[in-house]
mmCIF file of all heavy atoms, coordinates in Angstrom:
data_MODEL
# 
_entry.id   MODEL 
# 
loop_
_atom_site.group_PDB 
_atom_site.id 
_atom_site.type_symbol 
_atom_site.label_atom_id 
_atom_site.label_alt_id 
_atom_site.label_comp_id 
_atom_site.label_asym_id 
_atom_site.label_entity_id 
_atom_site.label_seq_id 
_atom_site.pdbx_PDB_ins_code 
_atom_site.Cartn_x 
_atom_site.Cartn_y 
_atom_site.Cartn_z 
_atom_site.occupancy 
_atom_site.B_iso_or_equiv 
_atom_site.pdbx_formal_charge 
_atom_site.auth_seq_id 
_atom_site.auth_comp_id 
_atom_site.auth_asym_id 
_atom_site.auth_atom_id 
_atom_site.pdbx_PDB_model_num 
ATOM 1   N N   . VAL A 1 1  ? 0.813   -1.206  0.000   1.00 0.00 ? 1  VAL A N   1 
ATOM 2   C CA  . VAL A 1 1  ? 0.000   0.000   0.000   1.00 0.00 ? 1  VAL A CA  1 
ATOM 3   C C   . VAL A 1 1  ? 0.852   1.264   0.000   1.00 0.00 ? 1  VAL A C   1 
ATOM 4   O O   . VAL A 1 1  ? 0.523   2.238   -0.665  1.00 0.00 ? 1  VAL A O   1 
ATOM 5   C CB  . VAL A 1 1  ? -0.963  0.000   1.219   1.00 0.00 ? 1  VAL A CB  1 
ATOM 6   C CG1 . VAL A 1 1  ? -1.659  1.328   1.372   1.00 0.00 ? 1  VAL A CG1 1 
ATOM 7   C CG2 . VAL A 1 1  ? -1.980  -1.122  1.085   1.00 0.00 ? 1  VAL A CG2 1 
ATOM 8   N N   . SER A 1 2  ? 1.982   1.233   0.700   1.00 0.00 ? 2  SER A N   1 
ATOM 9   C CA  . SER A 1 2  ? 2.727   2.487   0.862   1.00 0.00 ? 2  SER A CA  1 
ATOM 10  C C   . SER A 1 2  ? 4.229   2.382   0.599   1.00 0.00 ? 2  SER A C   1 
ATOM 11  O O   . SER A 1 2  ? 4.939   3.363   0.786   1.00 0.00 ? 2  SER A O   1 
ATOM 12  C CB  . SER A 1 2  ? 2.497   3.045   2.268   1.00 0.00 ? 2  SER A CB  1 
ATOM 13  O OG  . SER A 1 2  ? 2.975   2.133   3.238   1.00 0.00 ? 2  SER A OG  1 
ATOM 14  N N   . GLY A 1 3  ? 4.707   1.237   0.157   1.00 0.00 ? 3  GLY A N   1 
ATOM 15  C CA  . GLY A 1 3  ? 6.137   1.080   -0.078  1.00 0.00 ? 3  GLY A CA  1 
ATOM 16  C C   . GLY A 1 3  ? 6.589   1.659   -1.406  1.00 0.00 ? 3  GLY A C   1 
ATOM 17  O O   . GLY A 1 3  ? 5.782   2.134   -2.204  1.00 0.00 ? 3  GLY A O   1 
ATOM 18  N N   . ASN A 1 4  ? 7.904   1.613   -1.640  1.00 0.00 ? 4  ASN A N   1 
ATOM 19  C CA  . ASN A 1 4  ? 8.430   2.082   -2.920  1.00 0.00 ? 4  ASN A CA  1 
ATOM 20  C C   . ASN A 1 4  ? 8.293   0.980   -3.969  1.00 0.00 ? 4  ASN A C   1 
ATOM 21  O O   . ASN A 1 4  ? 8.056   -0.183  -3.647  1.00 0.00 ? 4  ASN A O   1 
ATOM 22  C CB  . ASN A 1 4  ? 9.881   2.567   -2.780  1.00 0.00 ? 4  ASN A CB  1 
ATOM 23  C CG  . ASN A 1 4  ? 10.842  1.445   -2.449  1.00 0.00 ? 4  ASN A CG  1 
ATOM 24  O OD1 . ASN A 1 4  ? 10.915  0.445   -3.156  1.00 0.00 ? 4  ASN A OD1 1 
ATOM 25  N ND2 . ASN A 1 4  ? 11.591  1.602   -1.371  1.00 0.00 ? 4  ASN A ND2 1 
ATOM 26  N N   . ASP A 1 5  ? 8.419   1.352   -5.233  1.00 0.00 ? 5  ASP A N   1 
ATOM 27  C CA  . ASP A 1 5  ? 8.161   0.412   -6.330  1.00 0.00 ? 5  ASP A CA  1 
ATOM 28  C C   . ASP A 1 5  ? 9.058   -0.818  -6.292  1.00 0.00 ? 5  ASP A C   1 
ATOM 29  O O   . ASP A 1 5  ? 8.601   -1.931  -6.539  1.00 0.00 ? 5  ASP A O   1 
ATOM 30  C CB  . ASP A 1 5  ? 8.291   1.111   -7.681  1.00 0.00 ? 5  ASP A CB  1 
ATOM 31  C CG  . ASP A 1 5  ? 7.134   2.058   -7.951  1.00 0.00 ? 5  ASP A CG  1 
ATOM 32  O OD1 . ASP A 1 5  ? 6.095   1.950   -7.273  1.00 0.00 ? 5  ASP A OD1 1 
ATOM 33  O OD2 . ASP A 1 5  ? 7.266   2.902   -8.849  1.00 0.00 ? 5  ASP A OD2 1 
ATOM 34  N N   . LEU A 1 6  ? 10.337  -0.652  -5.989  1.00 0.00 ? 6  LEU A N   1 
ATOM 35  C CA  . LEU A 1 6  ? 11.256  -1.796  -5.961  1.00 0.00 ? 6  LEU A CA  1 
ATOM 36  C C   . LEU A 1 6  ? 10.841  -2.788  -4.880  1.00 0.00 ? 6  LEU A C   1 
ATOM 37  O O   . LEU A 1 6  ? 10.779  -3.994  -5.128  1.00 0.00 ? 6  LEU A O   1 
ATOM 38  C CB  . LEU A 1 6  ? 12.691  -1.321  -5.736  1.00 0.00 ? 6  LEU A CB  1 
ATOM 39  C CG  . LEU A 1 6  ? 13.740  -2.429  -5.626  1.00 0.00 ? 6  LEU A CG  1 
ATOM 40  C CD1 . LEU A 1 6  ? 13.775  -3.267  -6.912  1.00 0.00 ? 6  LEU A CD1 1 
ATOM 41  C CD2 . LEU A 1 6  ? 15.107  -1.834  -5.327  1.00 0.00 ? 6  LEU A CD2 1 
ATOM 42  N N   . ASP A 1 7  ? 10.531  -2.284  -3.692  1.00 0.00 ? 7  ASP A N   1 
ATOM 43  C CA  . ASP A 1 7  ? 10.112  -3.173  -2.608  1.00 0.00 ? 7  ASP A CA  1 
ATOM 44  C C   . ASP A 1 7  ? 8.781   -3.857  -2.926  1.00 0.00 ? 7  ASP A C   1 
ATOM 45  O O   . ASP A 1 7  ? 8.579   -5.016  -2.587  1.00 0.00 ? 7  ASP A O   1 
ATOM 46  C CB  . ASP A 1 7  ? 10.000  -2.402  -1.294  1.00 0.00 ? 7  ASP A CB  1 
ATOM 47  C CG  . ASP A 1 7  ? 11.365  -2.029  -0.722  1.00 0.00 ? 7  ASP A CG  1 
ATOM 48  O OD1 . ASP A 1 7  ? 12.374  -2.655  -1.123  1.00 0.00 ? 7  ASP A OD1 1 
ATOM 49  O OD2 . ASP A 1 7  ? 11.411  -1.106  0.117   1.00 0.00 ? 7  ASP A OD2 1 
ATOM 50  N N   . LYS A 1 8  ? 7.868   -3.149  -3.610  1.00 0.00 ? 8  LYS A N   1 
ATOM 51  C CA  . LYS A 1 8  ? 6.605   -3.756  -4.015  1.00 0.00 ? 8  LYS A CA  1 
ATOM 52  C C   . LYS A 1 8  ? 6.838   -4.906  -4.987  1.00 0.00 ? 8  LYS A C   1 
ATOM 53  O O   . LYS A 1 8  ? 6.230   -5.965  -4.869  1.00 0.00 ? 8  LYS A O   1 
ATOM 54  C CB  . LYS A 1 8  ? 5.690   -2.716  -4.666  1.00 0.00 ? 8  LYS A CB  1 
ATOM 55  C CG  . LYS A 1 8  ? 5.116   -1.710  -3.698  1.00 0.00 ? 8  LYS A CG  1 
ATOM 56  C CD  . LYS A 1 8  ? 4.272   -0.693  -4.451  1.00 0.00 ? 8  LYS A CD  1 
ATOM 57  C CE  . LYS A 1 8  ? 3.769   0.395   -3.534  1.00 0.00 ? 8  LYS A CE  1 
ATOM 58  N NZ  . LYS A 1 8  ? 2.935   1.377   -4.241  1.00 0.00 ? 8  LYS A NZ  1 
ATOM 59  N N   . ARG A 1 9  ? 7.736   -4.696  -5.965  1.00 0.00 ? 9  ARG A N   1 
ATOM 60  C CA  . ARG A 1 9  ? 8.028   -5.764  -6.929  1.00 0.00 ? 9  ARG A CA  1 
ATOM 61  C C   . ARG A 1 9  ? 8.634   -6.976  -6.234  1.00 0.00 ? 9  ARG A C   1 
ATOM 62  O O   . ARG A 1 9  ? 8.263   -8.117  -6.521  1.00 0.00 ? 9  ARG A O   1 
ATOM 63  C CB  . ARG A 1 9  ? 8.962   -5.248  -8.026  1.00 0.00 ? 9  ARG A CB  1 
ATOM 64  C CG  . ARG A 1 9  ? 8.271   -4.373  -9.036  1.00 0.00 ? 9  ARG A CG  1 
ATOM 65  C CD  . ARG A 1 9  ? 9.124   -4.131  -10.256 1.00 0.00 ? 9  ARG A CD  1 
ATOM 66  N NE  . ARG A 1 9  ? 10.396  -3.491  -9.971  1.00 0.00 ? 9  ARG A NE  1 
ATOM 67  C CZ  . ARG A 1 9  ? 10.603  -2.177  -9.968  1.00 0.00 ? 9  ARG A CZ  1 
ATOM 68  N NH1 . ARG A 1 9  ? 9.611   -1.347  -10.230 1.00 0.00 ? 9  ARG A NH1 1 
ATOM 69  N NH2 . ARG A 1 9  ? 11.795  -1.688  -9.712  1.00 0.00 ? 9  ARG A NH2 1 
ATOM 70  N N   . LYS A 1 10 ? 9.548   -6.742  -5.312  1.00 0.00 ? 10 LYS A N   1 
ATOM 71  C CA  . LYS A 1 10 ? 10.166  -7.852  -4.574  1.00 0.00 ? 10 LYS A CA  1 
ATOM 72  C C   . LYS A 1 10 ? 9.120   -8.605  -3.752  1.00 0.00 ? 10 LYS A C   1 
ATOM 73  O O   . LYS A 1 10 ? 9.119   -9.830  -3.700  1.00 0.00 ? 10 LYS A O   1 
ATOM 74  C CB  . LYS A 1 10 ? 11.274  -7.329  -3.668  1.00 0.00 ? 10 LYS A CB  1 
ATOM 75  C CG  . LYS A 1 10 ? 12.506  -6.892  -4.398  1.00 0.00 ? 10 LYS A CG  1 
ATOM 76  C CD  . LYS A 1 10 ? 13.548  -6.358  -3.428  1.00 0.00 ? 10 LYS A CD  1 
ATOM 77  C CE  . LYS A 1 10 ? 14.794  -5.887  -4.130  1.00 0.00 ? 10 LYS A CE  1 
ATOM 78  N NZ  . LYS A 1 10 ? 15.785  -5.334  -3.178  1.00 0.00 ? 10 LYS A NZ  1 
ATOM 79  N N   . CYS A 1 11 ? 8.225   -7.854  -3.135  1.00 0.00 ? 11 CYS A N   1 
ATOM 80  C CA  . CYS A 1 11 ? 7.176   -8.466  -2.318  1.00 0.00 ? 11 CYS A CA  1 
ATOM 81  C C   . CYS A 1 11 ? 6.253   -9.319  -3.181  1.00 0.00 ? 11 CYS A C   1 
ATOM 82  O O   . CYS A 1 11 ? 5.954   -10.470 -2.836  1.00 0.00 ? 11 CYS A O   1 
ATOM 83  C CB  . CYS A 1 11 ? 6.396   -7.376  -1.591  1.00 0.00 ? 11 CYS A CB  1 
ATOM 84  S SG  . CYS A 1 11 ? 5.096   -7.987  -0.508  1.00 0.00 ? 11 CYS A SG  1 
ATOM 85  N N   . LEU A 1 12 ? 5.800   -8.768  -4.310  1.00 0.00 ? 12 LEU A N   1 
ATOM 86  C CA  . LEU A 1 12 ? 4.925   -9.539  -5.204  1.00 0.00 ? 12 LEU A CA  1 
ATOM 87  C C   . LEU A 1 12 ? 5.625   -10.777 -5.745  1.00 0.00 ? 12 LEU A C   1 
ATOM 88  O O   . LEU A 1 12 ? 5.027   -11.848 -5.836  1.00 0.00 ? 12 LEU A O   1 
ATOM 89  C CB  . LEU A 1 12 ? 4.435   -8.662  -6.351  1.00 0.00 ? 12 LEU A CB  1 
ATOM 90  C CG  . LEU A 1 12 ? 3.365   -7.642  -5.983  1.00 0.00 ? 12 LEU A CG  1 
ATOM 91  C CD1 . LEU A 1 12 ? 3.116   -6.698  -7.143  1.00 0.00 ? 12 LEU A CD1 1 
ATOM 92  C CD2 . LEU A 1 12 ? 2.088   -8.331  -5.551  1.00 0.00 ? 12 LEU A CD2 1 
ATOM 93  N N   . SER A 1 13 ? 6.891   -10.646 -6.074  1.00 0.00 ? 13 SER A N   1 
ATOM 94  C CA  . SER A 1 13 ? 7.647   -11.797 -6.556  1.00 0.00 ? 13 SER A CA  1 
ATOM 95  C C   . SER A 1 13 ? 7.687   -12.894 -5.496  1.00 0.00 ? 13 SER A C   1 
ATOM 96  O O   . SER A 1 13 ? 7.479   -14.070 -5.787  1.00 0.00 ? 13 SER A O   1 
ATOM 97  C CB  . SER A 1 13 ? 9.059   -11.357 -6.942  1.00 0.00 ? 13 SER A CB  1 
ATOM 98  O OG  . SER A 1 13 ? 9.804   -12.448 -7.398  1.00 0.00 ? 13 SER A OG  1 
ATOM 99  N N   . ARG A 1 14 ? 7.921   -12.497 -4.248  1.00 0.00 ? 14 ARG A N   1 
ATOM 100 C CA  . ARG A 1 14 ? 7.963   -13.468 -3.150  1.00 0.00 ? 14 ARG A CA  1 
ATOM 101 C C   . ARG A 1 14 ? 6.589   -14.129 -2.963  1.00 0.00 ? 14 ARG A C   1 
ATOM 102 O O   . ARG A 1 14 ? 6.496   -15.344 -2.779  1.00 0.00 ? 14 ARG A O   1 
ATOM 103 C CB  . ARG A 1 14 ? 8.413   -12.762 -1.862  1.00 0.00 ? 14 ARG A CB  1 
ATOM 104 C CG  . ARG A 1 14 ? 8.630   -13.702 -0.702  1.00 0.00 ? 14 ARG A CG  1 
ATOM 105 C CD  . ARG A 1 14 ? 9.250   -13.019 0.525   1.00 0.00 ? 14 ARG A CD  1 
ATOM 106 N NE  . ARG A 1 14 ? 8.480   -11.869 0.983   1.00 0.00 ? 14 ARG A NE  1 
ATOM 107 C CZ  . ARG A 1 14 ? 8.830   -10.587 0.813   1.00 0.00 ? 14 ARG A CZ  1 
ATOM 108 N NH1 . ARG A 1 14 ? 9.948   -10.272 0.197   1.00 0.00 ? 14 ARG A NH1 1 
ATOM 109 N NH2 . ARG A 1 14 ? 8.071   -9.616  1.274   1.00 0.00 ? 14 ARG A NH2 1 
ATOM 110 N N   . ILE A 1 15 ? 5.511   -13.349 -3.056  1.00 0.00 ? 15 ILE A N   1 
ATOM 111 C CA  . ILE A 1 15 ? 4.167   -13.897 -2.898  1.00 0.00 ? 15 ILE A CA  1 
ATOM 112 C C   . ILE A 1 15 ? 3.892   -14.950 -3.970  1.00 0.00 ? 15 ILE A C   1 
ATOM 113 O O   . ILE A 1 15 ? 3.381   -16.029 -3.685  1.00 0.00 ? 15 ILE A O   1 
ATOM 114 C CB  . ILE A 1 15 ? 3.121   -12.760 -2.942  1.00 0.00 ? 15 ILE A CB  1 
ATOM 115 C CG1 . ILE A 1 15 ? 3.232   -11.906 -1.678  1.00 0.00 ? 15 ILE A CG1 1 
ATOM 116 C CG2 . ILE A 1 15 ? 1.712   -13.314 -3.110  1.00 0.00 ? 15 ILE A CG2 1 
ATOM 117 C CD1 . ILE A 1 15 ? 2.527   -10.571 -1.765  1.00 0.00 ? 15 ILE A CD1 1 
ATOM 118 N N   . PHE A 1 16 ? 4.274   -14.648 -5.218  1.00 0.00 ? 16 PHE A N   1 
ATOM 119 C CA  . PHE A 1 16 ? 4.043   -15.606 -6.301  1.00 0.00 ? 16 PHE A CA  1 
ATOM 120 C C   . PHE A 1 16 ? 4.958   -16.825 -6.190  1.00 0.00 ? 16 PHE A C   1 
ATOM 121 O O   . PHE A 1 16 ? 4.518   -17.949 -6.437  1.00 0.00 ? 16 PHE A O   1 
ATOM 122 C CB  . PHE A 1 16 ? 4.205   -14.935 -7.665  1.00 0.00 ? 16 PHE A CB  1 
ATOM 123 C CG  . PHE A 1 16 ? 2.985   -14.183 -8.102  1.00 0.00 ? 16 PHE A CG  1 
ATOM 124 C CD1 . PHE A 1 16 ? 2.930   -12.809 -8.006  1.00 0.00 ? 16 PHE A CD1 1 
ATOM 125 C CD2 . PHE A 1 16 ? 1.883   -14.855 -8.600  1.00 0.00 ? 16 PHE A CD2 1 
ATOM 126 C CE1 . PHE A 1 16 ? 1.805   -12.107 -8.399  1.00 0.00 ? 16 PHE A CE1 1 
ATOM 127 C CE2 . PHE A 1 16 ? 0.743   -14.173 -9.001  1.00 0.00 ? 16 PHE A CE2 1 
ATOM 128 C CZ  . PHE A 1 16 ? 0.710   -12.790 -8.896  1.00 0.00 ? 16 PHE A CZ  1 
ATOM 129 N N   . THR A 1 17 ? 6.219   -16.649 -5.839  1.00 0.00 ? 17 THR A N   1 
ATOM 130 C CA  . THR A 1 17 ? 7.116   -17.811 -5.744  1.00 0.00 ? 17 THR A CA  1 
ATOM 131 C C   . THR A 1 17 ? 6.771   -18.686 -4.550  1.00 0.00 ? 17 THR A C   1 
ATOM 132 O O   . THR A 1 17 ? 7.056   -19.879 -4.552  1.00 0.00 ? 17 THR A O   1 
ATOM 133 C CB  . THR A 1 17 ? 8.603   -17.398 -5.684  1.00 0.00 ? 17 THR A CB  1 
ATOM 134 O OG1 . THR A 1 17 ? 8.825   -16.529 -4.587  1.00 0.00 ? 17 THR A OG1 1 
ATOM 135 C CG2 . THR A 1 17 ? 9.045   -16.744 -6.967  1.00 0.00 ? 17 THR A CG2 1 
ATOM 136 N N   . GLU A 1 18 ? 6.126   -18.100 -3.535  1.00 0.00 ? 18 GLU A N   1 
ATOM 137 C CA  . GLU A 1 18 ? 5.700   -18.875 -2.371  1.00 0.00 ? 18 GLU A CA  1 
ATOM 138 C C   . GLU A 1 18 ? 4.270   -19.401 -2.531  1.00 0.00 ? 18 GLU A C   1 
ATOM 139 O O   . GLU A 1 18 ? 3.685   -19.908 -1.576  1.00 0.00 ? 18 GLU A O   1 
ATOM 140 C CB  . GLU A 1 18 ? 5.823   -18.024 -1.101  1.00 0.00 ? 18 GLU A CB  1 
ATOM 141 C CG  . GLU A 1 18 ? 7.263   -17.709 -0.747  1.00 0.00 ? 18 GLU A CG  1 
ATOM 142 C CD  . GLU A 1 18 ? 7.404   -16.784 0.447   1.00 0.00 ? 18 GLU A CD  1 
ATOM 143 O OE1 . GLU A 1 18 ? 6.373   -16.344 1.026   1.00 0.00 ? 18 GLU A OE1 1 
ATOM 144 O OE2 . GLU A 1 18 ? 8.553   -16.479 0.798   1.00 0.00 ? 18 GLU A OE2 1 
ATOM 145 N N   . CYS A 1 19 ? 3.711   -19.279 -3.724  1.00 0.00 ? 19 CYS A N   1 
ATOM 146 C CA  . CYS A 1 19 ? 2.378   -19.812 -4.050  1.00 0.00 ? 19 CYS A CA  1 
ATOM 147 C C   . CYS A 1 19 ? 1.284   -19.264 -3.134  1.00 0.00 ? 19 CYS A C   1 
ATOM 148 O O   . CYS A 1 19 ? 0.405   -19.998 -2.685  1.00 0.00 ? 19 CYS A O   1 
ATOM 149 C CB  . CYS A 1 19 ? 2.382   -21.340 -4.013  1.00 0.00 ? 19 CYS A CB  1 
ATOM 150 S SG  . CYS A 1 19 ? 3.616   -22.070 -5.074  1.00 0.00 ? 19 CYS A SG  1 
ATOM 151 N N   . ARG A 1 20 ? 1.313   -17.956 -2.897  1.00 0.00 ? 20 ARG A N   1 
ATOM 152 C CA  . ARG A 1 20 ? 0.315   -17.334 -2.032  1.00 0.00 ? 20 ARG A CA  1 
ATOM 153 C C   . ARG A 1 20 ? -0.626  -16.421 -2.814  1.00 0.00 ? 20 ARG A C   1 
ATOM 154 O O   . ARG A 1 20 ? -1.143  -15.445 -2.296  1.00 0.00 ? 20 ARG A O   1 
ATOM 155 C CB  . ARG A 1 20 ? 1.009   -16.553 -0.910  1.00 0.00 ? 20 ARG A CB  1 
ATOM 156 C CG  . ARG A 1 20 ? 1.799   -17.477 0.017   1.00 0.00 ? 20 ARG A CG  1 
ATOM 157 C CD  . ARG A 1 20 ? 2.341   -16.768 1.232   1.00 0.00 ? 20 ARG A CD  1 
ATOM 158 N NE  . ARG A 1 20 ? 3.456   -15.896 0.882   1.00 0.00 ? 20 ARG A NE  1 
ATOM 159 C CZ  . ARG A 1 20 ? 3.595   -14.644 1.340   1.00 0.00 ? 20 ARG A CZ  1 
ATOM 160 N NH1 . ARG A 1 20 ? 2.705   -14.100 2.129   1.00 0.00 ? 20 ARG A NH1 1 
ATOM 161 N NH2 . ARG A 1 20 ? 4.646   -13.932 0.997   1.00 0.00 ? 20 ARG A NH2 1 
ATOM 162 N N   . ALA A 1 21 ? -0.852  -16.745 -4.098  1.00 0.00 ? 21 ALA A N   1 
ATOM 163 C CA  . ALA A 1 21 ? -1.793  -16.001 -4.940  1.00 0.00 ? 21 ALA A CA  1 
ATOM 164 C C   . ALA A 1 21 ? -2.815  -16.989 -5.501  1.00 0.00 ? 21 ALA A C   1 
ATOM 165 O O   . ALA A 1 21 ? -2.448  -18.042 -6.011  1.00 0.00 ? 21 ALA A O   1 
ATOM 166 C CB  . ALA A 1 21 ? -1.048  -15.309 -6.068  1.00 0.00 ? 21 ALA A CB  1 
ATOM 167 N N   . VAL A 1 22 ? -4.089  -16.639 -5.398  1.00 0.00 ? 22 VAL A N   1 
ATOM 168 C CA  . VAL A 1 22 ? -5.164  -17.507 -5.870  1.00 0.00 ? 22 VAL A CA  1 
ATOM 169 C C   . VAL A 1 22 ? -6.023  -16.731 -6.863  1.00 0.00 ? 22 VAL A C   1 
ATOM 170 O O   . VAL A 1 22 ? -6.395  -15.583 -6.618  1.00 0.00 ? 22 VAL A O   1 
ATOM 171 C CB  . VAL A 1 22 ? -6.042  -18.000 -4.686  1.00 0.00 ? 22 VAL A CB  1 
ATOM 172 C CG1 . VAL A 1 22 ? -7.203  -18.840 -5.183  1.00 0.00 ? 22 VAL A CG1 1 
ATOM 173 C CG2 . VAL A 1 22 ? -5.201  -18.780 -3.692  1.00 0.00 ? 22 VAL A CG2 1 
ATOM 174 N N   . VAL A 1 23 ? -6.331  -17.382 -7.981  1.00 0.00 ? 23 VAL A N   1 
ATOM 175 C CA  . VAL A 1 23 ? -7.186  -16.775 -9.001  1.00 0.00 ? 23 VAL A CA  1 
ATOM 176 C C   . VAL A 1 23 ? -8.631  -16.831 -8.529  1.00 0.00 ? 23 VAL A C   1 
ATOM 177 O O   . VAL A 1 23 ? -9.094  -17.857 -8.050  1.00 0.00 ? 23 VAL A O   1 
ATOM 178 C CB  . VAL A 1 23 ? -7.054  -17.536 -10.339 1.00 0.00 ? 23 VAL A CB  1 
ATOM 179 C CG1 . VAL A 1 23 ? -8.012  -16.966 -11.374 1.00 0.00 ? 23 VAL A CG1 1 
ATOM 180 C CG2 . VAL A 1 23 ? -5.629  -17.493 -10.848 1.00 0.00 ? 23 VAL A CG2 1 
ATOM 181 N N   . ASN A 1 24 ? -9.334  -15.689 -8.653  1.00 0.00 ? 24 ASN A N   1 
ATOM 182 C CA  . ASN A 1 24 ? -10.772 -15.692 -8.371  1.00 0.00 ? 24 ASN A CA  1 
ATOM 183 C C   . ASN A 1 24 ? -11.436 -14.607 -9.212  1.00 0.00 ? 24 ASN A C   1 
ATOM 184 O O   . ASN A 1 24 ? -10.986 -13.487 -9.270  1.00 0.00 ? 24 ASN A O   1 
ATOM 185 C CB  . ASN A 1 24 ? -11.081 -15.509 -6.887  1.00 0.00 ? 24 ASN A CB  1 
ATOM 186 C CG  . ASN A 1 24 ? -10.446 -14.273 -6.302  1.00 0.00 ? 24 ASN A CG  1 
ATOM 187 O OD1 . ASN A 1 24 ? -9.782  -13.521 -6.981  1.00 0.00 ? 24 ASN A OD1 1 
ATOM 188 N ND2 . ASN A 1 24 ? -10.643 -14.060 -5.025  1.00 0.00 ? 24 ASN A ND2 1 
ATOM 189 N N   . GLY A 1 25 ? -12.470 -14.991 -9.891  1.00 0.00 ? 25 GLY A N   1 
ATOM 190 C CA  . GLY A 1 25 ? -13.191 -14.039 -10.723 1.00 0.00 ? 25 GLY A CA  1 
ATOM 191 C C   . GLY A 1 25 ? -12.534 -13.811 -12.068 1.00 0.00 ? 25 GLY A C   1 
ATOM 192 O O   . GLY A 1 25 ? -11.553 -14.451 -12.433 1.00 0.00 ? 25 GLY A O   1 
# 
């Protein structure tokens, strides 16, 4: 919500590599 772009990209990458994203809708 409030981080810088680089940290957001790293966070999203970690979420996807750790299989913590689910498709809905």
